Amino acid sequence: MKLLIVRHGDPDYTVDSLTEKGRREAELLKKRLIKLDIKKIYCSPLGRARATAEPTLAALGRKAEICGWLEEFSGHIIDPETGGKRIPWDLTPAFWTKEPRFFDKDGWLDTPLMKTGDVEEKYRAVTSGIDSLLERHGYVRSGCMYRVERENRDTLLFFCHFGVECVILSHILNISPVALWHGFVALTSSVTTLVTEERERGSAYFRCCGFGDISHLYAADEPPSFQARFCENYSETSERH
């Protein structure tokens, strides 16, 4: 089985859709995806993900199954300084790298910061969603692996968001999402590919053979978006700090 996880195109967050650049990215992505034999297509309910999927769906004459758990990860923490809600993946390196449990696939949820909000509840909703979906396709979660009840070479396509993509990867690959949120970045319209390895009869583990691939943009001389990145150098004030 193969999973293709696509982050939406360059977003206009004010209207939950795409910028002009994002629409160009979606069209270039379509040219790549329509060449593939895709068994099933799943999509976040949010507008920017649906707008990214639309050119591909129209070209294929297909519809996507909308999954609520694929929307951008909405778990929140309480900011200790302001007392307000905030996302759990915008933490400074000097802060999160000092907590060893943030690197642990289970221990990160038990940290005081993550206990301040509803992160665990939202995390479990996403992991339950992906496991239920994979079970429908013949792969049942068993410990840190998947039991193969109906082996296949199906390709499943997901249109979603960077935050929730990291949550999905963290569960499937048994890695802390904190390390993924802060150590990786999937640029807009990028494709991440996971493929099962069934080296032992009846069991499978997923392996990532491509993360955040934007070769479809480079092939068309479309520059990558800076969305989700922070300043490459601290002195560069034009980039997000």
Protein backbone atom coordinates (compact mmCIF):
# COMPACT_ATOMS: atom_id res chain seq x y z
CA MET A 1 0.00 0.00 0.00
CA LYS A 2 1.11 3.52 -0.74
CA LEU A 3 -0.01 6.72 1.02
CA LEU A 4 0.42 10.11 -0.64
CA ILE A 5 -0.02 13.02 1.80
CA VAL A 6 -0.37 16.41 0.11
CA ARG A 7 -0.17 19.73 1.90
CA HIS A 8 -2.51 22.36 0.45
CA GLY A 9 -1.23 25.01 -1.95
CA ASP A 10 -0.04 28.48 -0.97
CA PRO A 11 -2.88 29.68 1.29
CA ASP A 12 -4.91 32.79 1.73
CA TYR A 13 -5.80 32.15 5.36
CA THR A 14 -8.11 35.16 5.55
CA VAL A 15 -10.65 33.41 3.31
CA ASP A 16 -9.47 29.81 3.82
CA SER A 17 -8.60 29.32 0.18
CA LEU A 18 -5.60 29.69 -2.11
CA THR A 19 -3.60 32.62 -3.37
CA GLU A 20 -2.98 33.03 -7.09
CA LYS A 21 0.31 31.22 -6.51
CA GLY A 22 -1.52 28.48 -4.64
CA ARG A 23 -3.82 27.96 -7.60
CA ARG A 24 -0.81 27.64 -9.90
CA GLU A 25 0.65 25.08 -7.52
CA ALA A 26 -2.60 23.09 -7.52
CA GLU A 27 -2.61 22.98 -11.32
CA LEU A 28 1.00 21.78 -11.45
CA LEU A 29 0.25 19.22 -8.76
CA LYS A 30 -2.69 17.97 -10.83
CA LYS A 31 -0.40 17.23 -13.78
CA ARG A 32 1.65 15.04 -11.49
CA LEU A 33 -1.16 13.23 -9.71
CA ILE A 34 -3.38 12.38 -12.68
CA LYS A 35 -0.64 10.10 -14.00
CA LEU A 36 -1.02 7.84 -10.98
CA ASP A 37 -3.37 4.94 -10.38
CA ILE A 38 -5.14 6.26 -7.28
CA LYS A 39 -7.53 3.93 -5.49
CA LYS A 40 -9.18 6.45 -3.17
CA ILE A 41 -8.95 10.17 -2.46
CA TYR A 42 -9.50 11.75 0.97
CA CYS A 43 -9.63 15.44 1.80
CA SER A 44 -9.77 17.85 4.72
CA PRO A 45 -13.03 19.82 4.98
CA LEU A 46 -11.15 23.13 5.02
CA GLY A 47 -11.32 25.37 1.97
CA ARG A 48 -7.60 25.57 1.19
CA ALA A 49 -7.29 21.78 1.05
CA ARG A 50 -10.44 21.40 -1.04
CA ALA A 51 -9.27 24.10 -3.46
CA THR A 52 -5.97 22.24 -3.84
CA ALA A 53 -7.76 18.98 -4.57
CA GLU A 54 -10.29 20.46 -7.01
CA PRO A 55 -8.14 20.54 -10.19
CA THR A 56 -7.05 16.93 -9.69
CA LEU A 57 -10.58 15.74 -8.91
CA ALA A 58 -12.01 17.57 -11.92
CA ALA A 59 -9.38 16.14 -14.27
CA LEU A 60 -10.00 12.61 -12.99
CA GLY A 61 -13.77 12.96 -12.79
CA ARG A 62 -13.58 11.83 -9.17
CA LYS A 63 -14.88 12.94 -5.78
CA ALA A 64 -12.96 12.96 -2.53
CA GLU A 65 -14.22 11.57 0.74
CA ILE A 66 -14.21 14.43 3.25
CA CYS A 67 -12.73 13.48 6.63
CA GLY A 68 -13.11 15.85 9.57
CA TRP A 69 -9.99 14.50 11.28
CA LEU A 70 -7.89 15.61 8.28
CA GLU A 71 -8.50 19.30 8.99
CA GLU A 72 -5.56 21.27 10.35
CA PHE A 73 -4.60 20.00 13.79
CA SER A 74 -6.70 22.03 16.22
CA GLY A 75 -5.32 20.82 19.55
CA HIS A 76 -4.23 23.76 21.67
CA ILE A 77 -2.07 24.56 24.67
CA ILE A 78 -2.34 27.42 27.13
CA ASP A 79 0.44 29.98 26.78
CA PRO A 80 2.03 30.30 30.25
CA GLU A 81 2.80 33.98 29.63
CA THR A 82 -0.47 35.23 28.15
CA GLY A 83 -2.95 32.64 29.45
CA GLY A 84 -4.38 32.39 25.94
CA LYS A 85 -4.81 29.42 23.63
CA ARG A 86 -2.16 28.70 21.00
CA ILE A 87 -1.04 25.93 18.69
CA PRO A 88 1.44 23.40 20.15
CA TRP A 89 3.99 23.44 17.33
CA ASP A 90 5.17 27.04 17.30
CA LEU A 91 7.69 26.68 20.13
CA THR A 92 11.16 28.22 20.16
CA PRO A 93 14.03 25.72 19.85
CA ALA A 94 15.63 26.96 23.07
CA PHE A 95 12.43 25.97 24.89
CA TRP A 96 11.31 22.65 23.45
CA THR A 97 14.72 21.04 22.97
CA LYS A 98 15.39 21.25 26.73
CA GLU A 99 12.55 18.84 27.49
CA PRO A 100 13.64 15.23 26.73
CA ARG A 101 10.05 14.01 26.76
CA PHE A 102 9.26 16.12 23.68
CA PHE A 103 11.44 13.67 21.74
CA ASP A 104 9.62 10.62 23.09
CA LYS A 105 6.83 9.09 20.99
CA ASP A 106 4.59 8.72 24.06
CA GLY A 107 6.14 10.93 26.70
CA TRP A 108 5.53 14.20 24.84
CA LEU A 109 1.83 14.02 25.77
CA ASP A 110 2.66 13.84 29.47
CA THR A 111 4.59 17.09 29.58
CA PRO A 112 3.02 19.88 31.68
CA LEU A 113 2.67 22.15 28.65
CA MET A 114 0.70 19.62 26.57
CA LYS A 115 -1.53 18.88 29.57
CA THR A 116 -2.74 22.50 29.68
CA GLY A 117 -5.05 22.13 26.69
CA ASP A 118 -6.84 19.52 24.59
CA VAL A 119 -3.85 18.28 22.59
CA GLU A 120 -4.22 14.64 23.64
CA GLU A 121 -7.93 14.55 22.79
CA LYS A 122 -7.34 16.01 19.33
CA TYR A 123 -4.29 13.81 18.76
CA ARG A 124 -6.28 10.65 19.56
CA ALA A 125 -9.01 11.76 17.15
CA VAL A 126 -6.51 11.97 14.30
CA THR A 127 -4.76 8.68 15.12
CA SER A 128 -8.11 6.93 15.43
CA GLY A 129 -9.15 8.40 12.10
CA ILE A 130 -6.11 7.20 10.17
CA ASP A 131 -6.20 3.77 11.81
CA SER A 132 -9.89 3.30 10.99
CA LEU A 133 -9.25 4.30 7.40
CA LEU A 134 -6.28 1.97 6.97
CA GLU A 135 -8.31 -0.85 8.48
CA ARG A 136 -10.92 -0.31 5.76
CA HIS A 137 -8.12 -0.90 3.27
CA GLY A 138 -6.88 -4.09 4.90
CA TYR A 139 -4.22 -2.89 7.37
CA VAL A 140 -5.06 -3.10 11.09
CA ARG A 141 -3.02 -1.37 13.79
CA SER A 142 -1.26 -3.86 16.06
CA GLY A 143 1.21 -2.40 18.53
CA CYS A 144 3.63 -0.24 16.58
CA MET A 145 2.93 -2.02 13.29
CA TYR A 146 -0.02 -3.04 11.13
CA ARG A 147 -1.51 -6.49 10.71
CA VAL A 148 -2.09 -7.33 7.06
CA GLU A 149 -5.59 -8.68 6.61
CA ARG A 150 -5.82 -7.90 2.90
CA GLU A 151 -2.52 -7.12 1.26
CA ASN A 152 -2.70 -4.76 -1.68
CA ARG A 153 -0.78 -2.21 -3.73
CA ASP A 154 -3.47 0.47 -3.53
CA THR A 155 -2.48 4.14 -3.60
CA LEU A 156 -4.41 6.40 -1.24
CA LEU A 157 -4.25 10.17 -1.71
CA PHE A 158 -4.79 12.68 1.11
CA PHE A 159 -5.18 16.46 0.78
CA CYS A 160 -4.59 18.09 4.15
CA HIS A 161 -2.28 20.38 6.18
CA PHE A 162 1.23 20.44 7.60
CA GLY A 163 0.28 20.21 11.28
CA VAL A 164 -2.01 17.21 10.87
CA GLU A 165 0.40 15.59 8.40
CA CYS A 166 3.02 15.52 11.16
CA VAL A 167 0.49 13.97 13.53
CA ILE A 168 -0.31 11.23 11.02
CA LEU A 169 3.37 10.54 10.40
CA SER A 170 4.14 10.53 14.12
CA HIS A 171 1.55 7.82 14.71
CA ILE A 172 2.33 5.64 11.72
CA LEU A 173 6.10 5.86 12.22
CA ASN A 174 6.08 5.99 16.05
CA ILE A 175 7.86 9.34 16.33
CA SER A 176 7.04 12.33 18.53
CA PRO A 177 5.07 14.92 16.52
CA VAL A 178 6.95 17.67 18.37
CA ALA A 179 10.17 16.62 16.64
CA LEU A 180 8.36 16.52 13.29
CA TRP A 181 6.54 19.85 13.75
CA HIS A 182 9.81 21.62 14.55
CA GLY A 183 12.39 19.62 12.64
CA PHE A 184 10.61 19.15 9.31
CA VAL A 185 8.65 21.39 7.00
CA ALA A 186 6.34 20.34 4.19
CA LEU A 187 6.08 23.30 1.83
CA THR A 188 2.82 24.10 0.07
CA SER A 189 1.55 21.54 -2.49
CA SER A 190 4.29 19.12 -1.41
CA VAL A 191 3.85 15.35 -1.57
CA THR A 192 4.97 12.95 1.16
CA THR A 193 5.03 9.25 0.26
CA LEU A 194 4.75 6.28 2.60
CA VAL A 195 4.97 2.69 1.36
CA THR A 196 4.38 -0.52 3.29
CA GLU A 197 7.20 -2.98 3.79
CA GLU A 198 5.93 -6.51 4.45
CA ARG A 199 9.16 -8.31 5.24
CA GLU A 200 7.39 -10.70 7.59
CA ARG A 201 4.23 -12.50 6.54
CA GLY A 202 1.10 -10.89 7.91
CA SER A 203 2.68 -7.68 9.24
CA ALA A 204 3.61 -4.34 7.72
CA TYR A 205 5.53 -1.24 8.65
CA PHE A 206 5.30 1.97 6.66
CA ARG A 207 8.47 3.56 5.32
CA CYS A 208 8.77 7.15 4.12
CA CYS A 209 10.42 7.22 0.71
CA GLY A 210 9.78 10.90 0.03
CA PHE A 211 9.00 13.82 2.32
CA GLY A 212 7.71 17.19 1.19
CA ASP A 213 8.53 16.60 -2.48
CA ILE A 214 7.90 19.67 -4.69
CA SER A 215 9.59 18.44 -7.87
CA HIS A 216 6.42 19.34 -9.81
CA LEU A 217 7.10 22.99 -8.95
CA TYR A 218 10.77 22.88 -9.91
CA ALA A 219 9.88 21.21 -13.22
CA ALA A 220 7.74 24.24 -14.10
CA ASP A 221 10.13 26.87 -12.68
CA GLU A 222 7.59 27.72 -9.98
CA PRO A 223 9.47 28.89 -6.87
CA PRO A 224 8.57 27.23 -3.57
CA SER A 225 6.50 29.11 -1.03
CA PHE A 226 8.00 30.23 2.28
CA GLN A 227 4.81 29.23 4.14
CA ALA A 228 5.52 27.29 7.39
CA ARG A 229 9.18 28.29 7.43
CA PHE A 230 10.93 30.69 9.80
CA CYS A 231 13.89 32.99 9.16
CA GLU A 232 16.94 31.24 7.76
CA ASN A 233 19.16 33.85 9.44
CA TYR A 234 18.16 35.88 12.47
CA SER A 235 19.32 39.12 10.82
CA GLU A 236 16.93 38.60 7.90
CA THR A 237 14.04 40.74 9.15
CA SER A 238 11.91 40.18 6.05
CA GLU A 239 11.44 36.52 6.95
CA ARG A 240 9.17 35.27 9.74
CA HIS A 241 10.77 35.19 13.19
